[in-house]
N, C-alpha and C. Protein backbone atom coordinates (compact mmCIF):
# COMPACT_ATOMS: atom_id res chain seq x y z
N MET A 1 6.82 6.63 9.92
CA MET A 1 7.08 7.10 11.11
C MET A 1 8.36 6.10 11.72
N GLN A 2 9.01 7.41 12.73
CA GLN A 2 10.11 6.54 13.28
C GLN A 2 10.17 6.32 14.67
N GLU A 3 10.73 5.51 15.20
CA GLU A 3 10.32 5.12 16.52
C GLU A 3 11.91 5.15 17.03
N LYS A 4 12.07 6.22 18.39
CA LYS A 4 13.60 6.82 18.93
C LYS A 4 14.08 5.97 19.87
N ASP A 5 12.96 5.69 20.23
CA ASP A 5 13.17 4.54 21.94
C ASP A 5 13.90 3.00 21.39
N TYR A 6 14.37 2.76 23.09
CA TYR A 6 14.71 1.36 22.50
C TYR A 6 14.06 0.07 22.64
N VAL A 7 12.54 0.74 23.21
CA VAL A 7 11.53 -0.33 23.16
C VAL A 7 10.72 -0.68 22.14
N SER A 8 10.46 -2.10 22.03
CA SER A 8 9.79 -2.28 20.56
C SER A 8 8.53 -2.35 20.39
N PHE A 9 7.44 -2.08 20.34
CA PHE A 9 6.02 -1.96 19.67
C PHE A 9 5.33 -2.06 18.66
N ILE A 10 3.98 -2.86 18.80
CA ILE A 10 3.75 -3.12 17.02
C ILE A 10 3.11 -1.60 16.97
N VAL A 11 2.50 -1.59 15.44
CA VAL A 11 1.92 -0.77 14.81
C VAL A 11 0.41 -1.16 14.02
N ASP A 12 -0.51 -1.37 14.12
CA ASP A 12 -1.75 -2.43 13.45
C ASP A 12 -1.34 -0.71 12.60
N TYR A 13 -1.93 -1.08 11.39
CA TYR A 13 -2.07 0.13 10.22
C TYR A 13 -3.10 -0.02 9.32
N GLU A 14 -3.96 0.79 9.02
CA GLU A 14 -4.45 0.43 7.26
C GLU A 14 -5.28 1.79 6.88
N PHE A 15 -4.38 1.43 5.87
CA PHE A 15 -4.85 2.97 4.67
C PHE A 15 -5.58 3.24 3.31
N ALA A 16 -6.84 3.87 3.72
CA ALA A 16 -7.79 3.86 3.03
C ALA A 16 -7.61 4.87 1.87
N ALA A 17 -8.29 4.71 0.89
CA ALA A 17 -9.15 6.05 0.61
C ALA A 17 -10.37 5.71 -0.24
N ARG A 18 -11.36 7.14 -0.43
CA ARG A 18 -12.58 6.69 -1.08
C ARG A 18 -12.60 6.98 -3.22
N VAL A 19 -13.01 5.98 -3.23
CA VAL A 19 -13.40 5.66 -4.38
C VAL A 19 -14.48 5.90 -5.16
N LYS A 20 -14.07 6.62 -6.68
CA LYS A 20 -15.74 7.27 -7.13
C LYS A 20 -16.82 6.42 -7.49
N GLN A 21 -16.67 4.50 -7.91
CA GLN A 21 -17.22 3.40 -8.11
C GLN A 21 -18.11 3.69 -7.23
N ALA A 22 -17.27 3.15 -5.79
CA ALA A 22 -18.85 2.72 -4.89
C ALA A 22 -18.70 3.95 -3.68
N GLY A 23 -17.84 5.33 -3.56
CA GLY A 23 -18.44 6.52 -3.08
C GLY A 23 -17.70 5.46 -1.06
N GLU A 24 -17.54 4.94 -1.05
CA GLU A 24 -17.44 4.37 0.42
C GLU A 24 -15.25 4.75 -0.10
N PHE A 25 -14.81 4.11 1.69
CA PHE A 25 -13.33 3.88 1.47
C PHE A 25 -13.04 2.61 1.31
N VAL A 26 -11.68 2.30 0.39
CA VAL A 26 -11.70 0.80 0.00
C VAL A 26 -10.00 1.01 0.38
N SER A 27 -10.02 -0.22 1.23
CA SER A 27 -8.38 -0.28 1.88
C SER A 27 -7.40 -0.35 0.69
N GLN A 28 -5.85 0.25 1.16
CA GLN A 28 -5.01 0.03 0.06
C GLN A 28 -3.67 -0.86 0.47
N HIS A 29 -3.55 -0.49 1.61
CA HIS A 29 -3.16 -0.95 2.78
C HIS A 29 -3.30 -1.71 4.14
N LYS A 30 -2.63 -2.97 4.67
CA LYS A 30 -3.38 -2.96 6.25
C LYS A 30 -2.23 -3.90 6.73
N GLY A 31 -2.17 -3.86 7.91
CA GLY A 31 -1.46 -5.28 8.41
C GLY A 31 -0.80 -4.78 9.49
N TYR A 32 0.27 -4.88 9.89
CA TYR A 32 1.39 -4.12 11.19
C TYR A 32 2.55 -4.63 11.22
N TYR A 33 3.07 -3.76 12.19
CA TYR A 33 4.77 -3.84 12.09
C TYR A 33 5.13 -3.43 13.31
N THR A 34 6.22 -4.19 13.39
CA THR A 34 6.74 -4.52 14.43
C THR A 34 8.10 -3.49 14.72
N PHE A 35 8.40 -2.07 15.64
CA PHE A 35 9.46 -1.28 15.54
C PHE A 35 10.47 -2.01 16.19
N THR A 36 11.78 -1.49 16.21
CA THR A 36 12.98 -2.16 17.36
C THR A 36 13.40 -1.20 16.64
N ARG A 37 14.43 -0.99 17.60
CA ARG A 37 15.92 -0.09 17.10
C ARG A 37 16.14 1.08 16.52
N GLY A 38 14.84 2.55 16.68
CA GLY A 38 15.09 3.34 15.68
C GLY A 38 14.80 2.99 14.05
N GLU A 39 14.16 1.86 13.67
CA GLU A 39 13.82 1.83 11.98
C GLU A 39 12.77 3.18 11.66
N VAL A 40 13.00 3.49 10.61
CA VAL A 40 11.77 4.48 9.72
C VAL A 40 11.59 3.61 8.97
N VAL A 41 10.08 3.71 8.34
CA VAL A 41 9.33 2.95 7.68
C VAL A 41 8.35 3.52 7.29
N GLY A 42 8.02 3.46 5.37
CA GLY A 42 6.63 4.43 4.93
C GLY A 42 6.89 3.88 3.93
N TYR A 43 5.12 4.81 2.86
CA TYR A 43 5.09 3.93 1.59
C TYR A 43 5.72 4.99 0.65
N ARG A 44 5.72 4.21 -0.43
CA ARG A 44 6.48 4.98 -1.33
C ARG A 44 5.29 5.25 -2.53
N ASN A 45 5.10 4.66 -2.64
CA ASN A 45 3.23 4.07 -3.74
C ASN A 45 2.69 3.28 -3.41
N LEU A 46 1.74 4.77 -2.47
CA LEU A 46 0.48 4.04 -0.93
C LEU A 46 -0.97 3.23 -2.14
N PHE A 47 -0.88 3.94 -3.31
CA PHE A 47 -1.80 2.90 -4.32
C PHE A 47 -0.96 2.36 -5.64
N ALA A 48 0.06 2.19 -5.70
CA ALA A 48 1.05 1.34 -6.56
C ALA A 48 -0.03 2.05 -7.92
N ILE A 49 0.28 3.33 -8.07
CA ILE A 49 -0.23 3.27 -9.94
C ILE A 49 1.04 4.38 -10.46
N SER A 50 0.82 5.02 -11.07
CA SER A 50 2.15 6.22 -11.56
C SER A 50 0.93 7.33 -11.21
N TRP A 51 2.17 8.04 -11.23
CA TRP A 51 1.56 9.50 -10.48
C TRP A 51 0.79 10.07 -11.92
N THR A 52 1.21 10.27 -13.27
CA THR A 52 -0.11 10.42 -13.83
C THR A 52 -1.53 9.74 -13.77
N SER A 53 -1.05 8.29 -13.40
CA SER A 53 -2.42 7.69 -13.30
C SER A 53 -3.36 8.72 -12.35
N PHE A 54 -2.34 8.98 -11.17
CA PHE A 54 -3.42 8.90 -10.30
C PHE A 54 -3.64 10.43 -9.98
N MET A 55 -2.98 10.99 -10.90
CA MET A 55 -3.40 12.73 -11.12
C MET A 55 -4.49 12.82 -12.64
N ALA A 56 -4.70 11.70 -13.62
CA ALA A 56 -5.53 12.36 -14.27
C ALA A 56 -6.42 12.69 -14.01
N LYS A 57 -7.56 13.06 -14.84
CA LYS A 57 -8.78 14.03 -14.84
C LYS A 57 -10.02 12.52 -14.42
N ASP A 58 -9.39 11.98 -15.29
CA ASP A 58 -10.45 10.61 -14.48
C ASP A 58 -10.01 9.36 -13.73
N SER A 59 -8.88 10.17 -12.94
CA SER A 59 -8.54 8.92 -11.31
C SER A 59 -9.90 8.90 -10.34
N GLN A 60 -9.81 7.04 -10.40
CA GLN A 60 -10.47 7.08 -9.00
C GLN A 60 -10.63 7.03 -8.11
N TYR A 61 -9.58 8.12 -7.70
CA TYR A 61 -9.81 8.63 -6.43
C TYR A 61 -9.54 10.30 -6.31
N PHE A 62 -9.93 10.63 -6.95
CA PHE A 62 -10.41 12.27 -6.74
C PHE A 62 -12.02 12.26 -7.41
N MET A 63 -12.64 13.36 -6.15
CA MET A 63 -14.05 13.60 -5.97
C MET A 63 -14.43 14.67 -5.80
N ASN A 64 -14.95 15.17 -7.47
CA ASN A 64 -14.67 16.78 -7.18
C ASN A 64 -13.66 17.69 -6.74
N ASP A 65 -12.15 17.35 -7.22
CA ASP A 65 -11.10 17.73 -7.11
C ASP A 65 -10.56 17.30 -5.18
N ILE A 66 -10.94 16.86 -4.97
CA ILE A 66 -10.71 16.39 -3.63
C ILE A 66 -10.28 14.24 -3.58
N LEU A 67 -9.27 15.06 -2.76
CA LEU A 67 -8.76 13.01 -2.43
C LEU A 67 -8.85 13.08 -1.07
N HIS A 68 -9.94 11.53 -1.00
CA HIS A 68 -10.23 11.70 0.50
C HIS A 68 -9.23 10.31 1.23
N LEU A 69 -8.59 10.49 2.20
CA LEU A 69 -7.75 9.86 2.66
C LEU A 69 -8.30 9.33 3.98
N ARG A 70 -7.88 7.75 4.29
CA ARG A 70 -8.04 7.90 5.91
C ARG A 70 -6.85 7.08 6.39
N ALA A 71 -6.07 6.82 7.49
CA ALA A 71 -4.94 6.27 8.14
C ALA A 71 -5.57 5.98 9.42
N GLU A 72 -5.47 4.52 9.91
CA GLU A 72 -5.74 4.45 11.42
C GLU A 72 -5.03 3.42 11.46
N LEU A 73 -4.39 4.15 12.95
CA LEU A 73 -2.68 3.50 13.19
C LEU A 73 -3.37 3.38 14.52
N THR A 74 -3.27 2.14 15.57
CA THR A 74 -2.78 1.55 16.77
C THR A 74 -1.85 1.51 17.85
N ILE A 75 -1.51 1.82 18.16
CA ILE A 75 -0.06 1.74 18.72
C ILE A 75 -0.37 0.73 20.45
N LYS A 76 0.64 -0.54 20.08
CA LYS A 76 0.73 -1.53 21.29
C LYS A 76 1.48 -1.18 22.37
N GLN A 77 1.13 -0.93 23.07
CA GLN A 77 2.01 -0.73 24.55
C GLN A 77 2.93 -2.20 24.68
N PRO A 78 4.67 -2.13 25.47
CA PRO A 78 5.31 -3.25 25.01
C PRO A 78 4.54 -4.65 26.32
N GLN A 79 3.52 -4.07 26.94
CA GLN A 79 2.66 -5.51 27.73
C GLN A 79 2.29 -6.24 27.02
N GLN A 80 1.64 -5.31 25.64
CA GLN A 80 0.22 -5.88 24.85
C GLN A 80 1.37 -6.91 23.59
N LEU A 81 2.57 -6.91 23.53
CA LEU A 81 3.20 -7.29 23.40
C LEU A 81 2.97 -9.15 23.03
N ILE A 82 2.64 -9.69 24.84
CA ILE A 82 3.20 -10.82 24.99
C ILE A 82 2.24 -11.06 24.75
N GLN A 83 0.50 -10.89 24.39
CA GLN A 83 -0.33 -11.43 24.29
C GLN A 83 -0.43 -11.30 23.09
N ARG A 84 0.30 -10.98 22.12
CA ARG A 84 -0.41 -11.34 20.49
C ARG A 84 0.29 -12.29 20.14
């Protein structure tokens, strides 16, 4: 994500993946980030495992060769920053 204006704002985020054991989405990363002055933010290794393990036949993240991801983002307007 990249913010291009000079207005600060907060993004609440949660990244989740469906796993075989539970059959439900399991949160991988959750938190918030305050953007100011054109910063760039991202994750290089969302699952914190090697690519080989992630793509393996027995990977817990693939069900019938399909990866199910969920990203929830909530952008807070500048006036909401005061209430935080």
